[in-house]
Amino acid sequence: ILQFVDGRRCVIPFHWWRPFRNVKTIIGNVTRIIAAAMSITLLCSFTWTLSVPGAWGYEWAKSWGDAPQLWNAEGDAANNGPIINFLRLTHPKIMDKPEGYSQETMEELAKKYSSEANQINGTRANNLTDNTVIMILSESFSDPTRVPGIALAEDPMPNIRALKETTTSGLMLSPGFGGGTANIEYQSLTGLDLALFDDSMQSMYQELVPHQKNPFAWNQIWNAEYGKSGSVAFHSYYKNMYLRDVNYKKFGFNKFYTLDSKPAITHQDRTDNSPYVNDAASYQNIIDQLNKEEHPQFLQLVTMQNHMPYHEWYENNDYTAESTTGTPLGDDEQQSIETYQKGVEITDQATQEFLNELDALDKPVTVVFYGDHLPGIYSSASEDDNNSLALHLTDYFIWSNKASSSQGNKASDAAYSSPNFFVAQAADHMNA
């Protein structure tokens, strides 16, 4: 800019071919070099700190109106600018180098845990890949009767509640409340805990996985056994959310079916006035995929039916909610909770029917079902810090059909879990 604004007036003298012809030229040349170096340094420092909350680059961009949308790269680029979106994802801080880290240390750890794995596997009769494993992330699914300070007149999930008594099940400690789906999904697919990474990491799917050459995910075990058709993924929404389309390819899923994939997900039914694909339709896509292949598969499903916001979508909704704290619920909160309850009931019924269909199959199938987080509608309960744990507990179960030798099994230490433990728990449940 200085070069073009200055033109030939030589306010800041500069000469390409005779840089040392006089003192003014030397000073001008040094000034321009310093300006260029400072610009580059500023840009690098800004890029280095843009994705770290609390750092100067993050706070400076925020002061100018930057509002990161790490769940949607396209939306982030549209709202904050494509350059900021690009720079934000350029240099995330992944983790600090652990003390004592070396190839020798890692080989010792690998040897230690390989030995432990061999001991565990020595007592197990089956292989994971002998079964089809269906991992279902049920959007915002949780037991609303557990929320402190709220009384419900009716239980919206009697089927799943009864099922949990007969199989491996419990409560999942979710790192999110009202959001964070993809980070929880990342844990369940990779077996890695978010606690391993730097606190500044906000979206593993956007800040970590795109930088990895060969990220591991559990579906790759089925790919190794059955080739590309060993694993398929479904999401009843759009493929660009959290860069799932790119990341699922890196994980090795053969196909990823969404509303905007080619071909699109087959079943897209909605319930009443809901804008989202209902769970019954999502489950039917899984049934269709099961019937496509003879060999076992790893199937990943992310539902959308119970995603926020909730606006009296359902006809004939008799569910009610009231406060037990003495302070009445606000109109918006009450309407949201009552609509959400109806959604939980629809999920409960659809899930029971889905499991009944799986029971009729003559191939072994195991389902890992979990809610990712509570919906962010409990504003009254969230005002009390004592409710923090209750608002981060969702429901999960691991269930096998009649064709599986593990139906009715209960894995050990199942009362409380985390999504990164699910496949290990499934292996325990399946004696695999």
Protein backbone atom coordinates (compact mmCIF):
# COMPACT_ATOMS: atom_id res chain seq x y z
CA ILE A 1 0.00 0.00 0.00
CA LEU A 2 2.83 2.39 0.89
CA GLN A 3 4.49 1.65 -2.45
CA PHE A 4 1.42 2.56 -4.51
CA VAL A 5 0.27 5.52 -2.41
CA ASP A 6 3.75 7.03 -2.39
CA GLY A 7 4.17 6.71 -6.14
CA ARG A 8 7.23 8.72 -7.31
CA ARG A 9 7.01 11.38 -4.63
CA CYS A 10 9.53 9.50 -2.51
CA VAL A 11 8.03 10.51 0.83
CA ILE A 12 9.43 7.15 1.92
CA PRO A 13 12.39 6.75 -0.44
CA PHE A 14 12.85 3.35 -2.03
CA HIS A 15 15.03 2.01 -4.83
CA TRP A 16 15.11 -1.56 -6.07
CA TRP A 17 18.46 -1.53 -7.87
CA ARG A 18 20.49 0.98 -5.79
CA PRO A 19 19.26 0.41 -2.21
CA PHE A 20 22.31 2.04 -0.61
CA ARG A 21 22.71 5.12 -2.84
CA ASN A 22 22.12 7.56 0.08
CA VAL A 23 20.96 7.77 3.68
CA LYS A 24 17.34 8.67 2.78
CA THR A 25 17.09 5.62 0.51
CA ILE A 26 18.52 3.32 3.16
CA ILE A 27 16.05 4.64 5.77
CA GLY A 28 13.16 4.31 3.30
CA ASN A 29 14.14 0.77 2.36
CA VAL A 30 14.42 -0.27 6.03
CA THR A 31 11.05 1.37 6.81
CA ARG A 32 9.32 -0.58 4.05
CA ILE A 33 11.01 -3.84 5.03
CA ILE A 34 9.93 -3.31 8.65
CA ALA A 35 6.36 -2.56 7.52
CA ALA A 36 6.26 -5.76 5.45
CA ALA A 37 7.78 -7.83 8.28
CA MET A 38 5.34 -6.40 10.82
CA SER A 39 2.41 -7.14 8.51
CA ILE A 40 3.51 -10.75 8.09
CA THR A 41 4.20 -11.11 11.82
CA LEU A 42 0.81 -9.63 12.69
CA LEU A 43 -1.00 -11.96 10.28
CA CYS A 44 0.87 -15.04 11.55
CA SER A 45 0.26 -14.11 15.18
CA PHE A 46 -3.40 -13.42 14.46
CA THR A 47 -3.79 -16.76 12.67
CA TRP A 48 -1.90 -18.54 15.49
CA THR A 49 -4.30 -17.19 18.14
CA LEU A 50 -7.60 -16.84 16.25
CA SER A 51 -8.93 -20.25 17.29
CA VAL A 52 -7.85 -20.03 20.96
CA PRO A 53 -10.52 -18.49 23.25
CA GLY A 54 -8.97 -15.78 25.43
CA ALA A 55 -5.97 -15.23 23.15
CA TRP A 56 -5.48 -11.76 21.65
CA GLY A 57 -6.44 -12.76 18.08
CA TYR A 58 -9.64 -14.44 19.23
CA GLU A 59 -10.65 -11.51 21.45
CA TRP A 60 -9.72 -8.87 18.86
CA ALA A 61 -11.77 -10.58 16.13
CA LYS A 62 -14.64 -10.99 18.61
CA SER A 63 -14.55 -7.24 19.35
CA TRP A 64 -15.12 -6.60 15.65
CA GLY A 65 -18.18 -8.86 15.58
CA ASP A 66 -16.66 -12.25 14.82
CA ALA A 67 -19.03 -14.99 16.01
CA PRO A 68 -17.54 -18.45 15.28
CA GLN A 69 -19.91 -21.13 13.95
CA LEU A 70 -17.78 -24.21 14.38
CA TRP A 71 -20.71 -26.50 13.71
CA ASN A 72 -21.10 -25.16 10.15
CA ALA A 73 -18.13 -24.09 8.01
CA GLU A 74 -20.37 -22.69 5.28
CA GLY A 75 -22.36 -20.62 7.76
CA ASP A 76 -19.16 -19.42 9.43
CA ALA A 77 -17.81 -18.24 6.09
CA ALA A 78 -21.09 -16.54 5.15
CA ASN A 79 -21.44 -14.69 8.45
CA ASN A 80 -17.84 -13.95 9.41
CA GLY A 81 -16.12 -13.95 6.02
CA PRO A 82 -14.34 -16.74 4.13
CA ILE A 83 -10.87 -15.42 5.03
CA ILE A 84 -11.61 -15.49 8.77
CA ASN A 85 -13.19 -18.94 8.39
CA PHE A 86 -10.09 -20.18 6.56
CA LEU A 87 -7.66 -18.67 9.08
CA ARG A 88 -9.71 -19.96 12.02
CA LEU A 89 -9.23 -23.56 10.87
CA THR A 90 -5.59 -23.12 9.81
CA HIS A 91 -3.83 -23.53 13.14
CA PRO A 92 -5.91 -24.88 16.02
CA LYS A 93 -4.01 -25.83 19.15
CA ILE A 94 -4.55 -29.58 19.45
CA MET A 95 -2.64 -30.55 22.58
CA ASP A 96 0.54 -29.86 24.54
CA LYS A 97 3.39 -32.30 24.14
CA PRO A 98 3.30 -34.60 27.19
CA GLU A 99 6.35 -34.78 29.43
CA GLY A 100 8.52 -37.77 28.54
CA TYR A 101 6.90 -38.26 25.12
CA SER A 102 9.05 -40.33 22.75
CA GLN A 103 8.86 -43.24 20.34
CA GLU A 104 10.30 -45.48 23.05
CA THR A 105 7.59 -44.41 25.53
CA MET A 106 4.84 -45.04 22.98
CA GLU A 107 6.22 -48.49 22.11
CA GLU A 108 6.24 -49.39 25.81
CA LEU A 109 2.61 -48.26 26.17
CA ALA A 110 1.61 -50.19 23.05
CA LYS A 111 3.28 -53.32 24.41
CA LYS A 112 1.58 -52.91 27.80
CA TYR A 113 -1.93 -52.50 26.43
CA SER A 114 -1.50 -55.14 23.73
CA SER A 115 -0.71 -57.57 26.54
CA GLU A 116 -3.82 -56.49 28.46
CA ALA A 117 -5.95 -56.79 25.31
CA ASN A 118 -4.66 -60.30 24.72
CA GLN A 119 -5.68 -61.29 28.25
CA ILE A 120 -9.17 -59.86 27.79
CA ASN A 121 -9.59 -61.43 24.35
CA GLY A 122 -8.46 -64.79 25.67
CA THR A 123 -11.74 -65.11 27.58
CA ARG A 124 -14.05 -63.99 24.75
CA ALA A 125 -15.69 -66.28 22.25
CA ASN A 126 -16.75 -63.97 19.39
CA ASN A 127 -15.37 -61.27 17.12
CA LEU A 128 -16.89 -57.79 16.85
CA THR A 129 -17.17 -58.26 13.10
CA ASP A 130 -19.35 -61.36 13.52
CA ASN A 131 -22.16 -58.92 14.31
CA THR A 132 -23.70 -55.91 12.66
CA VAL A 133 -23.25 -52.99 15.07
CA ILE A 134 -25.61 -50.03 14.71
CA MET A 135 -24.53 -46.88 16.53
CA ILE A 136 -27.43 -44.45 16.98
CA LEU A 137 -26.88 -40.90 18.15
CA SER A 138 -30.42 -39.88 19.10
CA GLU A 139 -30.50 -36.09 18.87
CA SER A 140 -31.11 -34.45 22.28
CA PHE A 141 -32.64 -37.65 23.72
CA SER A 142 -32.79 -37.76 27.50
CA ASP A 143 -35.23 -38.56 30.27
CA PRO A 144 -37.19 -35.34 30.98
CA THR A 145 -38.47 -36.74 34.30
CA ARG A 146 -34.90 -36.42 35.67
CA VAL A 147 -34.70 -32.64 35.26
CA PRO A 148 -34.69 -30.95 38.70
CA GLY A 149 -37.52 -28.59 39.57
CA ILE A 150 -39.97 -29.80 36.92
CA ALA A 151 -42.97 -32.11 37.38
CA LEU A 152 -44.40 -34.07 34.46
CA ALA A 153 -47.81 -35.67 34.49
CA GLU A 154 -46.85 -38.64 32.32
CA ASP A 155 -43.78 -40.75 31.49
CA PRO A 156 -42.91 -40.16 27.81
CA MET A 157 -40.43 -43.05 27.48
CA PRO A 158 -41.88 -46.20 29.09
CA ASN A 159 -40.54 -48.58 26.43
CA ILE A 160 -36.91 -47.49 26.63
CA ARG A 161 -37.15 -47.28 30.42
CA ALA A 162 -38.32 -50.92 30.56
CA LEU A 163 -35.74 -52.00 27.98
CA LYS A 164 -32.89 -50.52 30.02
CA GLU A 165 -33.76 -52.94 32.83
CA THR A 166 -33.09 -55.95 30.58
CA THR A 167 -29.80 -55.09 28.86
CA THR A 168 -26.56 -53.13 29.20
CA SER A 169 -27.63 -49.57 29.97
CA GLY A 170 -27.13 -46.56 32.16
CA LEU A 171 -26.47 -42.84 32.11
CA MET A 172 -23.95 -41.12 29.86
CA LEU A 173 -22.04 -38.10 31.12
CA SER A 174 -22.28 -35.61 28.27
CA PRO A 175 -19.78 -32.76 27.87
CA GLY A 176 -22.52 -30.69 26.22
CA PHE A 177 -25.77 -29.02 27.20
CA GLY A 178 -28.00 -27.79 24.40
CA GLY A 179 -25.26 -28.45 21.81
CA GLY A 180 -21.92 -30.06 21.04
CA THR A 181 -23.32 -33.03 19.09
CA ALA A 182 -20.32 -33.57 16.82
CA ASN A 183 -17.77 -33.64 19.65
CA ILE A 184 -19.79 -36.35 21.41
CA GLU A 185 -20.17 -38.22 18.13
CA TYR A 186 -16.39 -37.94 17.62
CA GLN A 187 -15.82 -39.60 21.00
CA SER A 188 -18.14 -42.51 20.23
CA LEU A 189 -16.65 -43.16 16.77
CA THR A 190 -12.98 -42.91 17.75
CA GLY A 191 -12.84 -43.98 21.39
CA LEU A 192 -10.90 -40.80 22.22
CA ASP A 193 -11.90 -38.57 25.13
CA LEU A 194 -12.14 -34.80 24.70
CA ALA A 195 -10.05 -34.46 27.88
CA LEU A 196 -7.01 -35.58 25.86
CA PHE A 197 -7.06 -32.38 23.82
CA ASP A 198 -6.38 -28.72 24.53
CA ASP A 199 -9.25 -26.85 26.20
CA SER A 200 -9.36 -24.43 23.24
CA MET A 201 -10.47 -27.19 20.85
CA GLN A 202 -14.11 -26.38 20.19
CA SER A 203 -14.95 -28.68 17.27
CA MET A 204 -12.94 -31.85 16.63
CA TYR A 205 -14.66 -32.33 13.27
CA GLN A 206 -13.54 -28.91 12.02
CA GLU A 207 -10.31 -28.20 13.88
CA LEU A 208 -8.74 -31.65 14.24
CA VAL A 209 -9.90 -34.32 11.78
CA PRO A 210 -9.31 -32.28 8.57
CA HIS A 211 -5.63 -31.95 9.58
CA GLN A 212 -5.19 -35.70 10.17
CA LYS A 213 -3.91 -37.99 7.42
CA ASN A 214 -5.34 -41.29 8.66
CA PRO A 215 -7.68 -40.78 11.64
CA PHE A 216 -8.89 -43.98 13.31
CA ALA A 217 -12.57 -44.78 13.73
CA TRP A 218 -14.22 -48.02 14.87
CA ASN A 219 -15.96 -48.65 11.53
CA GLN A 220 -12.54 -49.41 10.02
CA ILE A 221 -12.55 -52.80 11.78
CA TRP A 222 -15.52 -53.84 9.63
CA ASN A 223 -13.90 -52.31 6.54
CA ALA A 224 -10.81 -54.43 7.13
CA GLU A 225 -12.96 -57.56 7.30
CA TYR A 226 -15.51 -56.89 4.53
CA GLY A 227 -14.00 -54.19 2.31
CA LYS A 228 -15.56 -50.84 1.47
CA SER A 229 -19.11 -52.08 2.08
CA GLY A 230 -18.23 -52.77 5.71
CA SER A 231 -19.55 -49.43 6.97
CA VAL A 232 -22.21 -46.90 5.95
CA ALA A 233 -23.40 -43.68 7.64
CA PHE A 234 -26.75 -41.88 7.71
CA HIS A 235 -27.79 -38.44 8.93
CA SER A 236 -31.34 -37.13 8.58
CA TYR A 237 -30.15 -33.61 7.76
CA TYR A 238 -27.50 -31.95 5.58
CA LYS A 239 -24.03 -33.33 4.92
CA ASN A 240 -22.05 -30.09 5.40
CA MET A 241 -22.88 -29.72 9.10
CA TYR A 242 -19.63 -30.11 11.09
CA LEU A 243 -17.88 -31.10 7.83
CA ARG A 244 -19.30 -34.61 8.29
CA ASP A 245 -19.11 -35.31 4.56
CA VAL A 246 -15.34 -34.76 4.52
CA ASN A 247 -14.68 -36.43 7.88
CA TYR A 248 -16.75 -39.55 7.20
CA LYS A 249 -14.72 -40.09 4.04
CA LYS A 250 -11.54 -39.85 6.11
CA PHE A 251 -12.97 -42.33 8.60
CA GLY A 252 -13.60 -44.74 5.72
CA PHE A 253 -17.40 -44.90 5.52
CA ASN A 254 -18.33 -46.25 2.11
CA LYS A 255 -21.45 -44.09 1.75
CA PHE A 256 -22.92 -41.16 3.66
CA TYR A 257 -26.64 -40.60 3.06
CA THR A 258 -28.23 -37.24 3.95
CA LEU A 259 -31.00 -34.97 2.70
CA ASP A 260 -28.64 -33.48 0.13
CA SER A 261 -26.42 -36.45 -0.72
CA LYS A 262 -26.52 -38.08 -4.15
CA PRO A 263 -28.56 -40.19 -3.90
CA ALA A 264 -30.39 -38.62 -0.99
CA ILE A 265 -31.49 -40.52 2.10
CA THR A 266 -34.55 -42.52 1.03
CA HIS A 267 -37.03 -42.07 3.88
CA GLN A 268 -37.72 -38.44 4.86
CA ASP A 269 -41.12 -38.48 6.59
CA ARG A 270 -41.99 -35.75 9.12
CA THR A 271 -44.50 -35.87 11.97
CA ASP A 272 -47.30 -33.28 11.89
CA ASN A 273 -45.69 -29.81 11.62
CA SER A 274 -42.16 -30.78 12.60
CA PRO A 275 -39.49 -29.56 10.15
CA TYR A 276 -37.25 -32.55 10.88
CA VAL A 277 -37.22 -36.14 9.61
CA ASN A 278 -38.81 -38.34 12.26
CA ASP A 279 -37.05 -41.25 13.92
CA ALA A 280 -39.25 -43.91 12.33
CA ALA A 281 -38.07 -42.79 8.87
CA SER A 282 -34.45 -42.65 10.05
CA TYR A 283 -34.71 -46.21 11.36
CA GLN A 284 -36.26 -47.43 8.11
CA ASN A 285 -33.17 -46.29 6.23
CA ILE A 286 -31.12 -48.54 8.52
CA ILE A 287 -33.45 -51.49 7.90
CA ASP A 288 -33.08 -50.98 4.14
CA GLN A 289 -29.28 -50.98 4.46
CA LEU A 290 -29.34 -54.16 6.56
CA ASN A 291 -31.26 -55.87 3.77
CA LYS A 292 -28.77 -54.69 1.13
CA GLU A 293 -25.79 -56.64 2.44
CA GLU A 294 -25.43 -60.23 3.53
CA HIS A 295 -22.33 -59.66 5.63
CA PRO A 296 -22.21 -57.81 8.99
CA GLN A 297 -21.73 -54.03 8.88
CA PHE A 298 -21.01 -51.05 11.07
CA LEU A 299 -23.88 -48.58 10.59
CA GLN A 300 -23.78 -45.03 11.94
CA LEU A 301 -27.03 -43.05 12.34
CA VAL A 302 -27.45 -39.48 13.56
CA THR A 303 -31.11 -38.51 13.97
CA MET A 304 -32.69 -35.02 13.88
CA GLN A 305 -36.27 -35.39 15.12
CA ASN A 306 -35.70 -33.88 18.58
CA HIS A 307 -33.42 -31.04 17.54
CA MET A 308 -34.19 -27.57 18.92
CA PRO A 309 -36.13 -25.32 18.72
CA TYR A 310 -39.56 -26.70 19.67
CA HIS A 311 -42.68 -24.83 18.53
CA GLU A 312 -45.88 -26.82 19.19
CA TRP A 313 -45.19 -29.07 16.23
CA TYR A 314 -47.34 -32.01 17.26
CA GLU A 315 -51.10 -32.36 17.06
CA ASN A 316 -53.00 -33.88 20.00
CA ASN A 317 -50.18 -33.20 22.42
CA ASP A 318 -51.51 -33.74 25.96
CA TYR A 319 -48.18 -33.47 27.76
CA THR A 320 -47.88 -30.88 30.50
CA ALA A 321 -45.05 -29.54 32.66
CA GLU A 322 -44.98 -27.37 35.74
CA SER A 323 -42.40 -26.00 38.13
CA THR A 324 -41.93 -27.47 41.61
CA THR A 325 -39.71 -24.60 42.81
CA GLY A 326 -42.47 -22.08 43.49
CA THR A 327 -41.46 -19.97 40.49
CA PRO A 328 -43.66 -20.67 37.46
CA LEU A 329 -42.07 -21.67 34.15
CA GLY A 330 -41.98 -19.00 31.45
CA ASP A 331 -44.36 -19.48 28.51
CA ASP A 332 -41.55 -20.28 26.05
CA GLU A 333 -39.88 -22.73 28.40
CA GLN A 334 -43.13 -24.54 29.18
CA GLN A 335 -44.12 -24.77 25.51
CA SER A 336 -40.69 -26.11 24.58
CA ILE A 337 -40.68 -28.73 27.35
CA GLU A 338 -44.17 -29.95 26.47
CA THR A 339 -43.31 -30.19 22.76
CA TYR A 340 -40.06 -31.96 23.59
CA GLN A 341 -41.89 -34.50 25.76
CA LYS A 342 -44.06 -35.46 22.82
CA GLY A 343 -40.95 -35.87 20.70
CA VAL A 344 -39.44 -38.19 23.30
CA GLU A 345 -42.63 -40.27 23.22
CA ILE A 346 -42.43 -40.54 19.42
CA THR A 347 -38.79 -41.62 19.69
CA ASP A 348 -39.69 -44.15 22.39
CA GLN A 349 -42.36 -45.79 20.25
CA ALA A 350 -40.30 -45.72 17.04
CA THR A 351 -37.29 -47.23 18.82
CA GLN A 352 -39.35 -50.09 20.23
CA GLU A 353 -40.79 -50.85 16.78
CA PHE A 354 -37.30 -50.67 15.25
CA LEU A 355 -35.91 -53.15 17.77
CA ASN A 356 -38.87 -55.46 17.11
CA GLU A 357 -37.95 -55.44 13.41
CA LEU A 358 -34.35 -56.26 14.25
CA ASP A 359 -35.52 -59.13 16.45
CA ALA A 360 -37.21 -60.66 13.42
CA LEU A 361 -33.94 -60.79 11.44
CA ASP A 362 -31.91 -63.99 11.26
CA LYS A 363 -28.57 -62.17 11.48
CA PRO A 364 -26.92 -61.01 14.73
CA VAL A 365 -27.33 -57.28 15.34
CA THR A 366 -26.24 -55.13 18.28
CA VAL A 367 -27.49 -51.56 18.78
CA VAL A 368 -25.61 -48.85 20.69
CA PHE A 369 -28.18 -46.12 21.38
CA TYR A 370 -27.44 -42.86 23.18
CA GLY A 371 -28.65 -39.31 23.57
CA ASP A 372 -25.92 -36.77 22.88
CA HIS A 373 -27.00 -34.01 25.29
CA LEU A 374 -30.06 -32.47 26.94
CA PRO A 375 -31.84 -29.80 24.93
CA GLY A 376 -31.08 -26.26 26.04
CA ILE A 377 -34.69 -25.57 27.05
CA TYR A 378 -34.37 -25.95 30.82
CA SER A 379 -33.53 -22.33 31.57
CA SER A 380 -35.02 -22.47 35.08
CA ALA A 381 -33.05 -25.58 36.11
CA SER A 382 -29.82 -24.30 34.54
CA GLU A 383 -29.87 -21.19 36.75
CA ASP A 384 -28.93 -23.37 39.73
CA ASP A 385 -25.31 -24.59 39.61
CA ASN A 386 -26.30 -27.54 41.80
CA ASN A 387 -28.19 -28.94 38.80
CA SER A 388 -25.12 -29.03 36.56
CA LEU A 389 -24.56 -32.79 36.77
CA ALA A 390 -28.24 -33.65 36.25
CA LEU A 391 -28.31 -31.47 33.12
CA HIS A 392 -25.36 -33.37 31.65
CA LEU A 393 -26.72 -36.92 32.05
CA THR A 394 -28.38 -38.60 29.09
CA ASP A 395 -29.61 -42.16 28.56
CA TYR A 396 -27.89 -44.98 26.69
CA PHE A 397 -28.32 -48.72 26.14
CA ILE A 398 -26.58 -51.54 24.29
CA TRP A 399 -29.00 -54.19 23.02
CA SER A 400 -28.72 -57.33 20.89
CA ASN A 401 -31.40 -59.09 18.86
CA LYS A 402 -32.53 -62.71 19.22
CA ALA A 403 -30.19 -63.93 16.50
CA SER A 404 -27.28 -62.74 18.60
CA SER A 405 -25.84 -64.86 21.39
CA SER A 406 -25.56 -61.72 23.54
CA GLN A 407 -29.24 -60.80 23.87
CA GLY A 408 -29.97 -60.03 27.53
CA ASN A 409 -26.31 -59.64 28.44
CA LYS A 410 -25.28 -56.86 30.80
CA ALA A 411 -21.77 -55.44 30.59
CA SER A 412 -19.98 -54.66 33.82
CA ASP A 413 -19.71 -51.11 35.21
CA ALA A 414 -22.52 -49.86 32.98
CA ALA A 415 -24.36 -47.52 35.38
CA TYR A 416 -22.36 -44.49 34.21
CA SER A 417 -20.46 -44.15 30.98
CA SER A 418 -18.92 -41.80 28.45
CA PRO A 419 -19.31 -41.99 24.65
CA ASN A 420 -15.67 -42.92 24.13
CA PHE A 421 -16.30 -46.18 26.05
CA PHE A 422 -19.26 -47.40 23.98
CA VAL A 423 -17.54 -49.78 21.56
CA ALA A 424 -15.44 -51.28 24.36
CA GLN A 425 -18.67 -51.77 26.31
CA ALA A 426 -20.34 -53.28 23.26
CA ALA A 427 -17.47 -55.76 22.98
CA ASP A 428 -17.95 -56.67 26.65
CA HIS A 429 -21.72 -56.98 26.12
CA MET A 430 -21.19 -59.19 23.04
CA ASN A 431 -18.40 -61.25 24.66
CA ALA A 432 -16.33 -60.22 21.62
